[in-house]
């Protein structure tokens, strides 16, 4: 009985070790990929924010924006 219990524990421990190794390898691959993806997202959101800020500033100062990319329906009622 004790031999069977030790064998079961050993297999369970081996499975857990393999699982930890796989999770570690996946993390090693994903962390740099997410880092570069995050940089791309930061750039995109920064550009979008700058565009919105420019359009709002122009609207508030009375200037018309000739490069508006919004359709009249998306812009809402005026």
N, C-alpha and C. Protein backbone atom coordinates (compact mmCIF):
# COMPACT_ATOMS: atom_id res chain seq x y z
N UNK A 1 0.82 -1.18 0.00
CA UNK A 1 0.00 0.00 0.00
C UNK A 1 0.88 1.26 0.00
N UNK A 2 1.91 1.25 0.81
CA UNK A 2 2.80 2.40 0.91
C UNK A 2 3.56 2.63 -0.40
N UNK A 3 3.90 1.55 -1.08
CA UNK A 3 4.59 1.67 -2.36
C UNK A 3 3.68 2.33 -3.40
N UNK A 4 2.42 1.97 -3.41
CA UNK A 4 1.45 2.54 -4.34
C UNK A 4 1.25 4.03 -4.06
N UNK A 5 1.20 4.41 -2.81
CA UNK A 5 1.01 5.80 -2.42
C UNK A 5 2.21 6.64 -2.83
N UNK A 6 3.42 6.12 -2.62
CA UNK A 6 4.63 6.84 -3.03
C UNK A 6 4.68 7.03 -4.54
N UNK A 7 4.28 6.01 -5.27
CA UNK A 7 4.28 6.08 -6.72
C UNK A 7 3.29 7.14 -7.21
N UNK A 8 2.13 7.21 -6.59
CA UNK A 8 1.13 8.21 -6.96
C UNK A 8 1.63 9.61 -6.66
N UNK A 9 2.24 9.80 -5.51
CA UNK A 9 2.79 11.11 -5.14
C UNK A 9 3.90 11.52 -6.09
N UNK A 10 4.75 10.57 -6.47
CA UNK A 10 5.85 10.87 -7.37
C UNK A 10 5.32 11.32 -8.73
N UNK A 11 4.31 10.61 -9.25
CA UNK A 11 3.73 10.99 -10.54
C UNK A 11 3.06 12.36 -10.45
N UNK A 12 2.38 12.62 -9.36
CA UNK A 12 1.73 13.91 -9.17
C UNK A 12 2.78 15.03 -9.11
N UNK A 13 3.87 14.78 -8.41
CA UNK A 13 4.95 15.77 -8.31
C UNK A 13 5.62 16.00 -9.65
N UNK A 14 5.80 14.93 -10.42
CA UNK A 14 6.40 15.06 -11.74
C UNK A 14 5.48 15.88 -12.66
N UNK A 15 4.19 15.63 -12.61
CA UNK A 15 3.23 16.39 -13.42
C UNK A 15 3.23 17.86 -13.05
N UNK A 16 3.31 18.14 -11.76
CA UNK A 16 3.33 19.52 -11.30
C UNK A 16 4.61 20.22 -11.78
N UNK A 17 5.73 19.52 -11.72
CA UNK A 17 7.00 20.10 -12.17
C UNK A 17 6.94 20.40 -13.67
N UNK A 18 6.39 19.49 -14.45
CA UNK A 18 6.26 19.72 -15.89
C UNK A 18 5.35 20.92 -16.16
N UNK A 19 4.28 21.02 -15.42
CA UNK A 19 3.35 22.14 -15.58
C UNK A 19 4.06 23.46 -15.28
N UNK A 20 4.84 23.51 -14.21
CA UNK A 20 5.56 24.74 -13.84
C UNK A 20 6.57 25.11 -14.92
N UNK A 21 7.25 24.12 -15.47
CA UNK A 21 8.23 24.40 -16.54
C UNK A 21 7.51 24.98 -17.76
N UNK A 22 6.38 24.41 -18.13
CA UNK A 22 5.64 24.90 -19.30
C UNK A 22 5.15 26.33 -19.06
N UNK A 23 4.60 26.59 -17.89
CA UNK A 23 4.12 27.94 -17.57
C UNK A 23 5.29 28.94 -17.61
N UNK A 24 6.44 28.54 -17.09
CA UNK A 24 7.61 29.41 -17.12
C UNK A 24 8.06 29.71 -18.53
N UNK A 25 8.08 28.70 -19.40
CA UNK A 25 8.49 28.92 -20.79
C UNK A 25 7.50 29.82 -21.53
N UNK A 26 6.23 29.63 -21.28
CA UNK A 26 5.22 30.49 -21.91
C UNK A 26 5.40 31.93 -21.44
N UNK A 27 5.67 32.12 -20.16
CA UNK A 27 5.89 33.47 -19.63
C UNK A 27 7.12 34.11 -20.26
N UNK A 28 8.18 33.33 -20.44
CA UNK A 28 9.40 33.86 -21.05
C UNK A 28 9.13 34.35 -22.46
N UNK A 29 8.26 33.68 -23.18
CA UNK A 29 7.93 34.08 -24.55
C UNK A 29 6.95 35.25 -24.56
N UNK A 30 5.96 35.23 -23.68
CA UNK A 30 4.90 36.24 -23.72
C UNK A 30 5.31 37.61 -23.19
N UNK A 31 6.16 37.66 -22.19
CA UNK A 31 6.51 38.95 -21.59
C UNK A 31 7.14 39.91 -22.60
N UNK A 32 8.14 39.50 -23.37
CA UNK A 32 8.68 40.44 -24.37
C UNK A 32 7.67 40.76 -25.48
N UNK A 33 6.86 39.79 -25.87
CA UNK A 33 5.87 40.04 -26.92
C UNK A 33 4.85 41.07 -26.44
N UNK A 34 4.38 40.93 -25.22
CA UNK A 34 3.42 41.90 -24.68
C UNK A 34 4.06 43.26 -24.49
N UNK A 35 5.34 43.29 -24.16
CA UNK A 35 6.03 44.56 -24.01
C UNK A 35 6.06 45.35 -25.31
N UNK A 36 6.40 44.68 -26.42
CA UNK A 36 6.44 45.38 -27.70
C UNK A 36 5.02 45.73 -28.17
N UNK A 37 4.06 44.87 -27.87
CA UNK A 37 2.68 45.17 -28.22
C UNK A 37 2.18 46.37 -27.42
N UNK A 38 2.59 46.45 -26.17
CA UNK A 38 2.22 47.58 -25.33
C UNK A 38 2.79 48.89 -25.87
N UNK A 39 4.02 48.86 -26.38
CA UNK A 39 4.62 50.06 -26.97
C UNK A 39 3.82 50.51 -28.18
N UNK A 40 3.39 49.56 -29.00
CA UNK A 40 2.60 49.90 -30.19
C UNK A 40 1.25 50.50 -29.77
N UNK A 41 0.63 49.93 -28.75
CA UNK A 41 -0.64 50.47 -28.27
C UNK A 41 -0.47 51.87 -27.70
N UNK A 42 0.60 52.08 -26.96
CA UNK A 42 0.85 53.40 -26.39
C UNK A 42 1.00 54.44 -27.49
N UNK A 43 1.71 54.09 -28.55
CA UNK A 43 1.86 55.01 -29.68
C UNK A 43 0.55 55.31 -30.37
N UNK A 44 -0.27 54.28 -30.56
CA UNK A 44 -1.57 54.46 -31.23
C UNK A 44 -2.49 55.33 -30.39
N UNK A 45 -2.58 55.04 -29.09
CA UNK A 45 -3.45 55.83 -28.23
C UNK A 45 -2.93 57.26 -28.09
N UNK A 46 -1.63 57.42 -28.08
CA UNK A 46 -1.05 58.77 -28.01
C UNK A 46 -1.41 59.58 -29.24
N UNK A 47 -1.31 58.96 -30.43
CA UNK A 47 -1.65 59.66 -31.67
C UNK A 47 -3.13 60.00 -31.70
N UNK A 48 -3.97 59.06 -31.26
CA UNK A 48 -5.41 59.33 -31.23
C UNK A 48 -5.73 60.46 -30.26
N UNK A 49 -5.10 60.45 -29.11
CA UNK A 49 -5.31 61.51 -28.13
C UNK A 49 -4.88 62.86 -28.64
N UNK A 50 -3.74 62.89 -29.32
CA UNK A 50 -3.26 64.15 -29.90
C UNK A 50 -4.24 64.68 -30.94
N UNK A 51 -4.78 63.77 -31.76
CA UNK A 51 -5.74 64.17 -32.78
C UNK A 51 -7.01 64.74 -32.16
N UNK A 52 -7.51 64.08 -31.12
CA UNK A 52 -8.72 64.57 -30.44
C UNK A 52 -8.45 65.93 -29.80
N UNK A 53 -7.31 66.05 -29.15
CA UNK A 53 -6.96 67.32 -28.50
C UNK A 53 -6.88 68.45 -29.52
N UNK A 54 -6.28 68.17 -30.67
CA UNK A 54 -6.17 69.18 -31.72
C UNK A 54 -7.54 69.59 -32.23
N UNK A 55 -8.41 68.62 -32.46
CA UNK A 55 -9.75 68.93 -32.98
C UNK A 55 -10.57 69.72 -31.95
N UNK A 56 -10.50 69.35 -30.69
CA UNK A 56 -11.24 70.06 -29.65
C UNK A 56 -10.70 71.48 -29.50
N UNK A 57 -9.39 71.62 -29.51
CA UNK A 57 -8.78 72.95 -29.38
C UNK A 57 -9.18 73.83 -30.55
N UNK A 58 -9.16 73.26 -31.77
CA UNK A 58 -9.57 74.04 -32.95
C UNK A 58 -11.04 74.43 -32.86
N UNK A 59 -11.87 73.52 -32.40
CA UNK A 59 -13.30 73.79 -32.29
C UNK A 59 -13.56 74.89 -31.26
N UNK A 60 -12.85 74.83 -30.13
CA UNK A 60 -13.05 75.82 -29.07
C UNK A 60 -12.53 77.19 -29.48
N UNK A 61 -11.50 77.24 -30.30
CA UNK A 61 -10.94 78.53 -30.69
C UNK A 61 -11.65 79.10 -31.92
N UNK A 62 -12.62 78.35 -32.47
CA UNK A 62 -13.40 78.87 -33.60
C UNK A 62 -12.85 78.49 -34.95
N UNK A 63 -11.75 77.81 -35.00
CA UNK A 63 -11.18 77.39 -36.28
C UNK A 63 -11.92 76.16 -36.76
N UNK A 64 -12.05 76.05 -38.08
CA UNK A 64 -12.68 74.85 -38.62
C UNK A 64 -11.60 73.85 -39.00
N UNK A 65 -11.86 72.62 -38.77
CA UNK A 65 -10.90 71.57 -39.10
C UNK A 65 -11.27 70.99 -40.46
N UNK A 66 -10.44 71.25 -41.45
CA UNK A 66 -10.73 70.77 -42.80
C UNK A 66 -10.34 69.31 -42.98
N UNK A 67 -9.67 68.74 -42.00
CA UNK A 67 -9.22 67.36 -42.12
C UNK A 67 -10.04 66.43 -41.24
N UNK A 68 -11.29 66.78 -41.01
CA UNK A 68 -12.13 65.95 -40.14
C UNK A 68 -12.37 64.59 -40.78
N UNK A 69 -12.21 63.54 -40.00
CA UNK A 69 -12.40 62.19 -40.51
C UNK A 69 -13.72 61.61 -40.02
N UNK A 70 -14.48 62.37 -39.24
CA UNK A 70 -15.75 61.87 -38.73
C UNK A 70 -16.85 62.11 -39.75
N UNK A 71 -17.71 61.15 -39.93
CA UNK A 71 -18.85 61.34 -40.80
C UNK A 71 -19.85 62.21 -40.06
N UNK A 72 -20.76 62.89 -40.75
CA UNK A 72 -21.73 63.75 -40.06
C UNK A 72 -22.55 62.97 -39.05
N UNK A 73 -22.89 61.73 -39.35
CA UNK A 73 -23.67 60.93 -38.43
C UNK A 73 -22.88 60.61 -37.18
N UNK A 74 -21.57 60.28 -37.32
CA UNK A 74 -20.74 59.94 -36.17
C UNK A 74 -20.43 61.17 -35.33
N UNK A 75 -20.43 62.34 -35.96
CA UNK A 75 -20.11 63.57 -35.23
C UNK A 75 -21.24 63.98 -34.30
N UNK A 76 -22.46 63.55 -34.60
CA UNK A 76 -23.59 63.86 -33.74
C UNK A 76 -24.27 65.14 -34.14
N UNK A 77 -25.36 65.50 -33.47
CA UNK A 77 -26.10 66.72 -33.82
C UNK A 77 -25.29 67.97 -33.51
N UNK A 78 -25.51 69.00 -34.32
CA UNK A 78 -24.75 70.24 -34.11
C UNK A 78 -25.66 71.41 -33.88
